[in-house]
Amino acid sequence: MITYSAIEYNVIPVFLQPGVGPTLLGRLVLALSIARYALSSLFLLKVYLKTRSEILYFYSLALGFLALGHVGGFLSTAVGSLISWTGRSGAFLAALNFLLAVLTSLRLARTSKNP
């Protein structure tokens, strides 16, 4: 209800204009999210190289694929284009790696000797 009211009364800025595409603000937010996902992926990969934690490995890959997926959306000019599908593939691979990170953490929790 609050979100609907905020949109209806133009409290939330426009990120996407129908028939035109993303606004400058929408592109800026997407670019910042790409940078944050990519930097987080690199940071976790660096930590993984020190600790060799399987969870960090899959999680860092997931963040990297998520950044790649967002790049596909950022560069896409038409729905269904090759770039668009590359972005979707990146998002799919990110989801798969997030799932692998969760399953790995559950497996490690079951085999851990700590109570």
C-alpha atoms as a PDB file:
ATOM      1  CA  MET A   1       0.000   0.000   0.000  1.00  0.00           C
ATOM      2  CA  ILE A   2       2.789   2.421   0.888  1.00  0.00           C
ATOM      3  CA  THR A   3       4.760   1.530  -2.238  1.00  0.00           C
ATOM      4  CA  TYR A   4       1.706   1.976  -4.441  1.00  0.00           C
ATOM      5  CA  SER A   5       1.011   5.394  -2.911  1.00  0.00           C
ATOM      6  CA  ALA A   6       4.646   6.459  -3.326  1.00  0.00           C
ATOM      7  CA  ILE A   7       4.553   5.506  -7.008  1.00  0.00           C
ATOM      8  CA  GLU A   8       1.126   7.044  -7.597  1.00  0.00           C
ATOM      9  CA  TYR A   9       2.130  10.410  -6.115  1.00  0.00           C
ATOM     10  CA  ASN A  10       5.574  10.462  -7.809  1.00  0.00           C
ATOM     11  CA  VAL A  11       7.543  10.233  -4.577  1.00  0.00           C
ATOM     12  CA  ILE A  12       9.791   7.554  -6.098  1.00  0.00           C
ATOM     13  CA  PRO A  13      11.812   8.777  -9.103  1.00  0.00           C
ATOM     14  CA  VAL A  14      11.259   7.205 -12.510  1.00  0.00           C
ATOM     15  CA  PHE A  15      13.842   4.584 -13.471  1.00  0.00           C
ATOM     16  CA  LEU A  16      12.219   3.336 -16.668  1.00  0.00           C
ATOM     17  CA  GLN A  17      10.037   5.191 -19.136  1.00  0.00           C
ATOM     18  CA  PRO A  18       7.681   2.941 -21.124  1.00  0.00           C
ATOM     19  CA  GLY A  19       8.528   2.973 -24.825  1.00  0.00           C
ATOM     20  CA  VAL A  20      11.720   4.956 -24.222  1.00  0.00           C
ATOM     21  CA  GLY A  21      13.848   2.868 -21.888  1.00  0.00           C
ATOM     22  CA  PRO A  22      15.829   3.516 -18.738  1.00  0.00           C
ATOM     23  CA  THR A  23      16.369   7.047 -17.509  1.00  0.00           C
ATOM     24  CA  LEU A  24      19.773   8.447 -16.621  1.00  0.00           C
ATOM     25  CA  LEU A  25      19.038   7.751 -12.952  1.00  0.00           C
ATOM     26  CA  GLY A  26      18.087   4.164 -13.788  1.00  0.00           C
ATOM     27  CA  ARG A  27      21.321   3.666 -15.710  1.00  0.00           C
ATOM     28  CA  LEU A  28      23.337   5.170 -12.855  1.00  0.00           C
ATOM     29  CA  VAL A  29      21.753   2.856 -10.282  1.00  0.00           C
ATOM     30  CA  LEU A  30      22.379  -0.151 -12.524  1.00  0.00           C
ATOM     31  CA  ALA A  31      26.011   0.868 -13.134  1.00  0.00           C
ATOM     32  CA  LEU A  32      26.592   1.273  -9.397  1.00  0.00           C
ATOM     33  CA  SER A  33      25.076  -2.126  -8.681  1.00  0.00           C
ATOM     34  CA  ILE A  34      27.308  -3.718 -11.333  1.00  0.00           C
ATOM     35  CA  ALA A  35      30.367  -2.135  -9.736  1.00  0.00           C
ATOM     36  CA  ARG A  36      29.361  -3.241  -6.236  1.00  0.00           C
ATOM     37  CA  TYR A  37      28.650  -6.831  -7.303  1.00  0.00           C
ATOM     38  CA  ALA A  38      31.929  -7.029  -9.225  1.00  0.00           C
ATOM     39  CA  LEU A  39      34.004  -5.561  -6.388  1.00  0.00           C
ATOM     40  CA  SER A  40      32.320  -7.824  -3.837  1.00  0.00           C
ATOM     41  CA  SER A  41      33.010 -10.822  -6.052  1.00  0.00           C
ATOM     42  CA  LEU A  42      36.687  -9.903  -6.344  1.00  0.00           C
ATOM     43  CA  PHE A  43      36.986  -9.284  -2.599  1.00  0.00           C
ATOM     44  CA  LEU A  44      35.408 -12.638  -1.736  1.00  0.00           C
ATOM     45  CA  LEU A  45      37.573 -14.378  -4.328  1.00  0.00           C
ATOM     46  CA  LYS A  46      40.638 -12.891  -2.639  1.00  0.00           C
ATOM     47  CA  VAL A  47      39.434 -14.162   0.741  1.00  0.00           C
ATOM     48  CA  TYR A  48      38.675 -17.559  -0.797  1.00  0.00           C
ATOM     49  CA  LEU A  49      42.269 -17.830  -2.070  1.00  0.00           C
ATOM     50  CA  LYS A  50      43.475 -17.445   1.516  1.00  0.00           C
ATOM     51  CA  THR A  51      40.896 -19.643   3.258  1.00  0.00           C
ATOM     52  CA  ARG A  52      39.902 -22.134   0.517  1.00  0.00           C
ATOM     53  CA  SER A  53      36.321 -22.043   1.818  1.00  0.00           C
ATOM     54  CA  GLU A  54      33.978 -23.695  -0.692  1.00  0.00           C
ATOM     55  CA  ILE A  55      31.142 -21.409   0.377  1.00  0.00           C
ATOM     56  CA  LEU A  56      33.133 -18.293  -0.470  1.00  0.00           C
ATOM     57  CA  TYR A  57      34.084 -19.806  -3.808  1.00  0.00           C
ATOM     58  CA  PHE A  58      30.500 -20.356  -4.923  1.00  0.00           C
ATOM     59  CA  TYR A  59      29.298 -17.073  -3.419  1.00  0.00           C
ATOM     60  CA  SER A  60      32.030 -15.062  -5.164  1.00  0.00           C
ATOM     61  CA  LEU A  61      31.205 -16.765  -8.462  1.00  0.00           C
ATOM     62  CA  ALA A  62      27.518 -15.996  -7.945  1.00  0.00           C
ATOM     63  CA  LEU A  63      28.230 -12.309  -7.388  1.00  0.00           C
ATOM     64  CA  GLY A  64      30.461 -12.232 -10.473  1.00  0.00           C
ATOM     65  CA  PHE A  65      27.775 -13.854 -12.611  1.00  0.00           C
ATOM     66  CA  LEU A  66      25.213 -11.446 -11.186  1.00  0.00           C
ATOM     67  CA  ALA A  67      27.421  -8.525 -12.223  1.00  0.00           C
ATOM     68  CA  LEU A  68      27.778 -10.080 -15.675  1.00  0.00           C
ATOM     69  CA  GLY A  69      24.017 -10.485 -15.911  1.00  0.00           C
ATOM     70  CA  HIS A  70      23.497  -6.841 -15.016  1.00  0.00           C
ATOM     71  CA  VAL A  71      26.034  -5.815 -17.661  1.00  0.00           C
ATOM     72  CA  GLY A  72      23.929  -7.698 -20.195  1.00  0.00           C
ATOM     73  CA  GLY A  73      20.882  -5.742 -19.077  1.00  0.00           C
ATOM     74  CA  PHE A  74      22.819  -2.484 -19.125  1.00  0.00           C
ATOM     75  CA  LEU A  75      24.056  -2.980 -22.684  1.00  0.00           C
ATOM     76  CA  SER A  76      20.856  -4.496 -24.039  1.00  0.00           C
ATOM     77  CA  THR A  77      18.947  -2.388 -26.545  1.00  0.00           C
ATOM     78  CA  ALA A  78      16.167  -4.823 -27.396  1.00  0.00           C
ATOM     79  CA  VAL A  79      14.283  -7.561 -25.601  1.00  0.00           C
ATOM     80  CA  GLY A  80      15.404 -10.966 -26.848  1.00  0.00           C
ATOM     81  CA  SER A  81      18.727  -9.797 -28.291  1.00  0.00           C
ATOM     82  CA  LEU A  82      21.905 -11.828 -27.859  1.00  0.00           C
ATOM     83  CA  ILE A  83      23.192  -9.410 -25.215  1.00  0.00           C
ATOM     84  CA  SER A  84      19.873  -9.649 -23.386  1.00  0.00           C
ATOM     85  CA  TRP A  85      20.042 -13.441 -23.329  1.00  0.00           C
ATOM     86  CA  THR A  86      23.665 -13.312 -22.198  1.00  0.00           C
ATOM     87  CA  GLY A  87      22.532 -11.207 -19.266  1.00  0.00           C
ATOM     88  CA  ARG A  88      19.782 -13.670 -18.441  1.00  0.00           C
ATOM     89  CA  SER A  89      22.274 -16.520 -18.626  1.00  0.00           C
ATOM     90  CA  GLY A  90      24.499 -14.670 -16.170  1.00  0.00           C
ATOM     91  CA  ALA A  91      21.557 -14.275 -13.782  1.00  0.00           C
ATOM     92  CA  PHE A  92      20.728 -17.984 -14.142  1.00  0.00           C
ATOM     93  CA  LEU A  93      24.323 -18.996 -13.407  1.00  0.00           C
ATOM     94  CA  ALA A  94      24.332 -16.636 -10.424  1.00  0.00           C
ATOM     95  CA  ALA A  95      21.218 -18.327  -9.018  1.00  0.00           C
ATOM     96  CA  LEU A  96      22.809 -21.737  -9.545  1.00  0.00           C
ATOM     97  CA  ASN A  97      25.963 -20.674  -7.694  1.00  0.00           C
ATOM     98  CA  PHE A  98      23.960 -19.125  -4.848  1.00  0.00           C
ATOM     99  CA  LEU A  99      22.170 -22.459  -4.525  1.00  0.00           C
ATOM    100  CA  LEU A 100      25.495 -24.327  -4.537  1.00  0.00           C
ATOM    101  CA  ALA A 101      26.774 -22.012  -1.788  1.00  0.00           C
ATOM    102  CA  VAL A 102      23.721 -22.736   0.357  1.00  0.00           C
ATOM    103  CA  LEU A 103      23.917 -26.490  -0.231  1.00  0.00           C
ATOM    104  CA  THR A 104      27.631 -26.453   0.538  1.00  0.00           C
ATOM    105  CA  SER A 105      27.038 -24.586   3.787  1.00  0.00           C
ATOM    106  CA  LEU A 106      24.366 -27.119   4.803  1.00  0.00           C
ATOM    107  CA  ARG A 107      26.691 -30.018   3.970  1.00  0.00           C
ATOM    108  CA  LEU A 108      29.530 -28.468   5.951  1.00  0.00           C
ATOM    109  CA  ALA A 109      27.231 -27.732   8.882  1.00  0.00           C
ATOM    110  CA  ARG A 110      26.156 -31.385   9.023  1.00  0.00           C
ATOM    111  CA  THR A 111      29.717 -32.694   8.911  1.00  0.00           C
ATOM    112  CA  SER A 112      31.113 -30.101  11.318  1.00  0.00           C
ATOM    113  CA  LYS A 113      32.266 -31.299  14.724  1.00  0.00           C
ATOM    114  CA  ASN A 114      31.180 -28.065  16.411  1.00  0.00           C
ATOM    115  CA  PRO A 115      27.852 -28.237  18.280  1.00  0.00           C
END
